[in-house]
Amino acid sequence: MGIILWIIFGALAGWAASLVMKTDAKQGLMLDIIVGIVGAVIGGWLMNAIGENGVGGFNFYSFLVALLGACALIAIVRALRR
């Protein structure tokens, strides 16, 4: 997948995670992209750890995996900030 698609995918996953975790007003577009891309990596790692497929392309399953990872990342950052 091209770098532009990964950035768009990361932005969508990061934005959705910020809505789910109620941090949308605190984050900008760049942070959403970073959270989404790093979340996709974390989600892929978590899914591989339990024996499932990680992020495999621009599809709904990969979006859910990235969303799971992005939500986990936001939760970890929240816990560390307290």
N, C-alpha and C. Protein backbone atom coordinates (compact mmCIF):
# COMPACT_ATOMS: atom_id res chain seq x y z
N MET A 1 0.85 -1.16 0.00
CA MET A 1 0.00 0.00 0.00
C MET A 1 0.91 1.23 0.00
N GLY A 2 0.52 2.25 -0.74
CA GLY A 2 1.33 3.45 -0.83
C GLY A 2 1.31 4.26 0.45
N ILE A 3 2.30 5.09 0.59
CA ILE A 3 2.44 5.90 1.81
C ILE A 3 1.25 6.84 2.00
N ILE A 4 0.71 7.36 0.90
CA ILE A 4 -0.45 8.25 0.99
C ILE A 4 -1.66 7.50 1.56
N LEU A 5 -1.87 6.26 1.11
CA LEU A 5 -2.98 5.48 1.64
C LEU A 5 -2.79 5.15 3.12
N TRP A 6 -1.54 4.88 3.53
CA TRP A 6 -1.28 4.61 4.95
C TRP A 6 -1.56 5.85 5.79
N ILE A 7 -1.23 7.04 5.28
CA ILE A 7 -1.50 8.27 6.01
C ILE A 7 -3.01 8.48 6.13
N ILE A 8 -3.73 8.26 5.04
CA ILE A 8 -5.20 8.41 5.07
C ILE A 8 -5.81 7.38 6.02
N PHE A 9 -5.34 6.13 5.93
CA PHE A 9 -5.82 5.06 6.80
C PHE A 9 -5.53 5.40 8.26
N GLY A 10 -4.33 5.90 8.54
CA GLY A 10 -3.97 6.29 9.90
C GLY A 10 -4.82 7.44 10.41
N ALA A 11 -5.10 8.40 9.52
CA ALA A 11 -5.93 9.53 9.93
C ALA A 11 -7.34 9.07 10.28
N LEU A 12 -7.90 8.19 9.47
CA LEU A 12 -9.25 7.69 9.76
C LEU A 12 -9.28 6.89 11.06
N ALA A 13 -8.32 6.00 11.24
CA ALA A 13 -8.29 5.18 12.46
C ALA A 13 -8.03 6.05 13.69
N GLY A 14 -7.11 7.00 13.58
CA GLY A 14 -6.81 7.89 14.71
C GLY A 14 -7.98 8.78 15.07
N TRP A 15 -8.66 9.30 14.04
CA TRP A 15 -9.83 10.14 14.29
C TRP A 15 -10.94 9.34 14.96
N ALA A 16 -11.20 8.13 14.47
CA ALA A 16 -12.24 7.28 15.06
C ALA A 16 -11.88 6.92 16.50
N ALA A 17 -10.61 6.63 16.74
CA ALA A 17 -10.18 6.29 18.11
C ALA A 17 -10.32 7.50 19.03
N SER A 18 -10.02 8.70 18.52
CA SER A 18 -10.18 9.89 19.37
C SER A 18 -11.65 10.15 19.68
N LEU A 19 -12.55 9.79 18.78
CA LEU A 19 -13.98 9.91 19.06
C LEU A 19 -14.40 8.88 20.10
N VAL A 20 -13.94 7.65 19.96
CA VAL A 20 -14.30 6.57 20.89
C VAL A 20 -13.77 6.88 22.29
N MET A 21 -12.53 7.37 22.35
CA MET A 21 -11.89 7.63 23.64
C MET A 21 -12.17 9.04 24.17
N LYS A 22 -12.97 9.81 23.44
CA LYS A 22 -13.37 11.16 23.83
C LYS A 22 -12.18 12.11 24.02
N THR A 23 -11.24 12.06 23.09
CA THR A 23 -10.10 12.99 23.09
C THR A 23 -10.08 13.82 21.82
N ASP A 24 -11.18 13.86 21.10
CA ASP A 24 -11.22 14.53 19.80
C ASP A 24 -10.92 16.02 19.89
N ALA A 25 -11.41 16.68 20.92
CA ALA A 25 -11.20 18.12 21.05
C ALA A 25 -9.76 18.45 21.43
N LYS A 26 -9.02 17.48 21.95
CA LYS A 26 -7.65 17.72 22.41
C LYS A 26 -6.61 17.42 21.34
N GLN A 27 -6.98 16.70 20.29
CA GLN A 27 -6.04 16.27 19.28
C GLN A 27 -6.29 17.00 17.97
N GLY A 28 -5.23 17.24 17.24
CA GLY A 28 -5.36 17.81 15.91
C GLY A 28 -5.20 16.72 14.86
N LEU A 29 -5.20 17.11 13.61
CA LEU A 29 -5.10 16.17 12.50
C LEU A 29 -3.79 15.40 12.54
N MET A 30 -2.68 16.09 12.79
CA MET A 30 -1.38 15.41 12.79
C MET A 30 -1.31 14.36 13.89
N LEU A 31 -1.81 14.67 15.06
CA LEU A 31 -1.79 13.70 16.15
C LEU A 31 -2.72 12.52 15.85
N ASP A 32 -3.85 12.79 15.19
CA ASP A 32 -4.74 11.70 14.77
C ASP A 32 -4.03 10.75 13.81
N ILE A 33 -3.29 11.31 12.87
CA ILE A 33 -2.55 10.49 11.90
C ILE A 33 -1.50 9.65 12.61
N ILE A 34 -0.76 10.27 13.50
CA ILE A 34 0.30 9.54 14.23
C ILE A 34 -0.30 8.45 15.10
N VAL A 35 -1.37 8.78 15.84
CA VAL A 35 -2.03 7.80 16.70
C VAL A 35 -2.57 6.64 15.86
N GLY A 36 -3.15 6.96 14.70
CA GLY A 36 -3.70 5.91 13.83
C GLY A 36 -2.65 4.99 13.27
N ILE A 37 -1.52 5.54 12.82
CA ILE A 37 -0.46 4.71 12.25
C ILE A 37 0.21 3.87 13.34
N VAL A 38 0.53 4.50 14.46
CA VAL A 38 1.13 3.74 15.56
C VAL A 38 0.11 2.73 16.12
N GLY A 39 -1.15 3.11 16.14
CA GLY A 39 -2.20 2.20 16.58
C GLY A 39 -2.33 0.99 15.67
N ALA A 40 -2.15 1.19 14.37
CA ALA A 40 -2.18 0.06 13.43
C ALA A 40 -1.04 -0.91 13.72
N VAL A 41 0.12 -0.37 14.05
CA VAL A 41 1.26 -1.23 14.39
C VAL A 41 0.98 -1.98 15.68
N ILE A 42 0.50 -1.27 16.70
CA ILE A 42 0.18 -1.92 17.98
C ILE A 42 -0.93 -2.95 17.81
N GLY A 43 -1.98 -2.59 17.09
CA GLY A 43 -3.09 -3.53 16.86
C GLY A 43 -2.63 -4.75 16.10
N GLY A 44 -1.79 -4.56 15.08
CA GLY A 44 -1.25 -5.70 14.33
C GLY A 44 -0.42 -6.60 15.22
N TRP A 45 0.38 -5.99 16.10
CA TRP A 45 1.21 -6.78 17.01
C TRP A 45 0.32 -7.55 18.00
N LEU A 46 -0.71 -6.89 18.53
CA LEU A 46 -1.61 -7.57 19.47
C LEU A 46 -2.33 -8.73 18.80
N MET A 47 -2.80 -8.52 17.58
CA MET A 47 -3.53 -9.59 16.88
C MET A 47 -2.59 -10.75 16.54
N ASN A 48 -1.35 -10.45 16.15
CA ASN A 48 -0.39 -11.52 15.88
C ASN A 48 -0.05 -12.28 17.16
N ALA A 49 -0.03 -11.57 18.29
CA ALA A 49 0.28 -12.22 19.57
C ALA A 49 -0.79 -13.24 19.97
N ILE A 50 -2.05 -13.01 19.56
CA ILE A 50 -3.10 -13.98 19.89
C ILE A 50 -3.39 -14.94 18.75
N GLY A 51 -2.58 -14.87 17.69
CA GLY A 51 -2.69 -15.84 16.61
C GLY A 51 -3.59 -15.45 15.45
N GLU A 52 -4.00 -14.21 15.39
CA GLU A 52 -4.84 -13.73 14.29
C GLU A 52 -4.02 -12.89 13.33
N ASN A 53 -4.61 -12.55 12.19
CA ASN A 53 -3.95 -11.68 11.23
C ASN A 53 -3.98 -10.24 11.73
N GLY A 54 -2.92 -9.50 11.40
CA GLY A 54 -2.86 -8.09 11.75
C GLY A 54 -3.42 -7.25 10.61
N VAL A 55 -2.85 -6.09 10.42
CA VAL A 55 -3.28 -5.19 9.35
C VAL A 55 -2.75 -5.73 8.04
N GLY A 56 -3.67 -6.00 7.09
CA GLY A 56 -3.26 -6.62 5.84
C GLY A 56 -3.64 -5.82 4.61
N GLY A 57 -4.10 -4.63 4.77
CA GLY A 57 -4.50 -3.83 3.62
C GLY A 57 -5.54 -2.82 4.02
N PHE A 58 -6.11 -2.18 3.03
CA PHE A 58 -7.11 -1.15 3.25
C PHE A 58 -8.49 -1.79 3.21
N ASN A 59 -8.88 -2.44 4.33
CA ASN A 59 -10.17 -3.11 4.42
C ASN A 59 -10.76 -2.90 5.81
N PHE A 60 -11.98 -3.35 6.01
CA PHE A 60 -12.68 -3.11 7.27
C PHE A 60 -12.01 -3.81 8.45
N TYR A 61 -11.55 -5.05 8.25
CA TYR A 61 -10.88 -5.78 9.33
C TYR A 61 -9.62 -5.03 9.78
N SER A 62 -8.84 -4.57 8.82
CA SER A 62 -7.62 -3.83 9.16
C SER A 62 -7.95 -2.53 9.88
N PHE A 63 -9.05 -1.90 9.48
CA PHE A 63 -9.49 -0.69 10.17
C PHE A 63 -9.83 -0.99 11.63
N LEU A 64 -10.53 -2.09 11.87
CA LEU A 64 -10.88 -2.45 13.25
C LEU A 64 -9.63 -2.77 14.08
N VAL A 65 -8.66 -3.44 13.46
CA VAL A 65 -7.41 -3.74 14.16
C VAL A 65 -6.67 -2.44 14.50
N ALA A 66 -6.60 -1.51 13.53
CA ALA A 66 -5.95 -0.23 13.77
C ALA A 66 -6.70 0.58 14.83
N LEU A 67 -8.01 0.53 14.81
CA LEU A 67 -8.82 1.22 15.80
C LEU A 67 -8.57 0.65 17.20
N LEU A 68 -8.50 -0.66 17.31
CA LEU A 68 -8.19 -1.31 18.58
C LEU A 68 -6.82 -0.86 19.10
N GLY A 69 -5.84 -0.87 18.23
CA GLY A 69 -4.50 -0.44 18.63
C GLY A 69 -4.44 1.03 19.00
N ALA A 70 -5.13 1.88 18.25
CA ALA A 70 -5.14 3.32 18.54
C ALA A 70 -5.83 3.59 19.87
N CYS A 71 -6.91 2.90 20.15
CA CYS A 71 -7.59 3.06 21.45
C CYS A 71 -6.68 2.59 22.58
N ALA A 72 -5.96 1.49 22.36
CA ALA A 72 -5.02 1.01 23.37
C ALA A 72 -3.91 2.03 23.60
N LEU A 73 -3.42 2.64 22.53
CA LEU A 73 -2.38 3.66 22.65
C LEU A 73 -2.88 4.87 23.44
N ILE A 74 -4.07 5.34 23.15
CA ILE A 74 -4.64 6.48 23.88
C ILE A 74 -4.82 6.13 25.35
N ALA A 75 -5.27 4.91 25.64
CA ALA A 75 -5.45 4.48 27.04
C ALA A 75 -4.11 4.43 27.77
N ILE A 76 -3.08 3.95 27.09
CA ILE A 76 -1.74 3.88 27.71
C ILE A 76 -1.22 5.28 27.99
N VAL A 77 -1.37 6.19 27.04
CA VAL A 77 -0.91 7.57 27.23
C VAL A 77 -1.66 8.24 28.37
N ARG A 78 -2.96 8.00 28.44
CA ARG A 78 -3.76 8.55 29.55
C ARG A 78 -3.25 8.04 30.90
N ALA A 79 -2.97 6.74 30.97
CA ALA A 79 -2.51 6.15 32.24
C ALA A 79 -1.15 6.71 32.63
N LEU A 80 -0.28 6.94 31.66
CA LEU A 80 1.05 7.47 31.96
C LEU A 80 1.01 8.95 32.37
N ARG A 81 0.05 9.68 31.86
CA ARG A 81 -0.06 11.11 32.19
C ARG A 81 -0.59 11.35 33.59
N ARG A 82 -1.28 10.39 34.16
CA ARG A 82 -1.86 10.55 35.50
C ARG A 82 -0.85 10.24 36.50
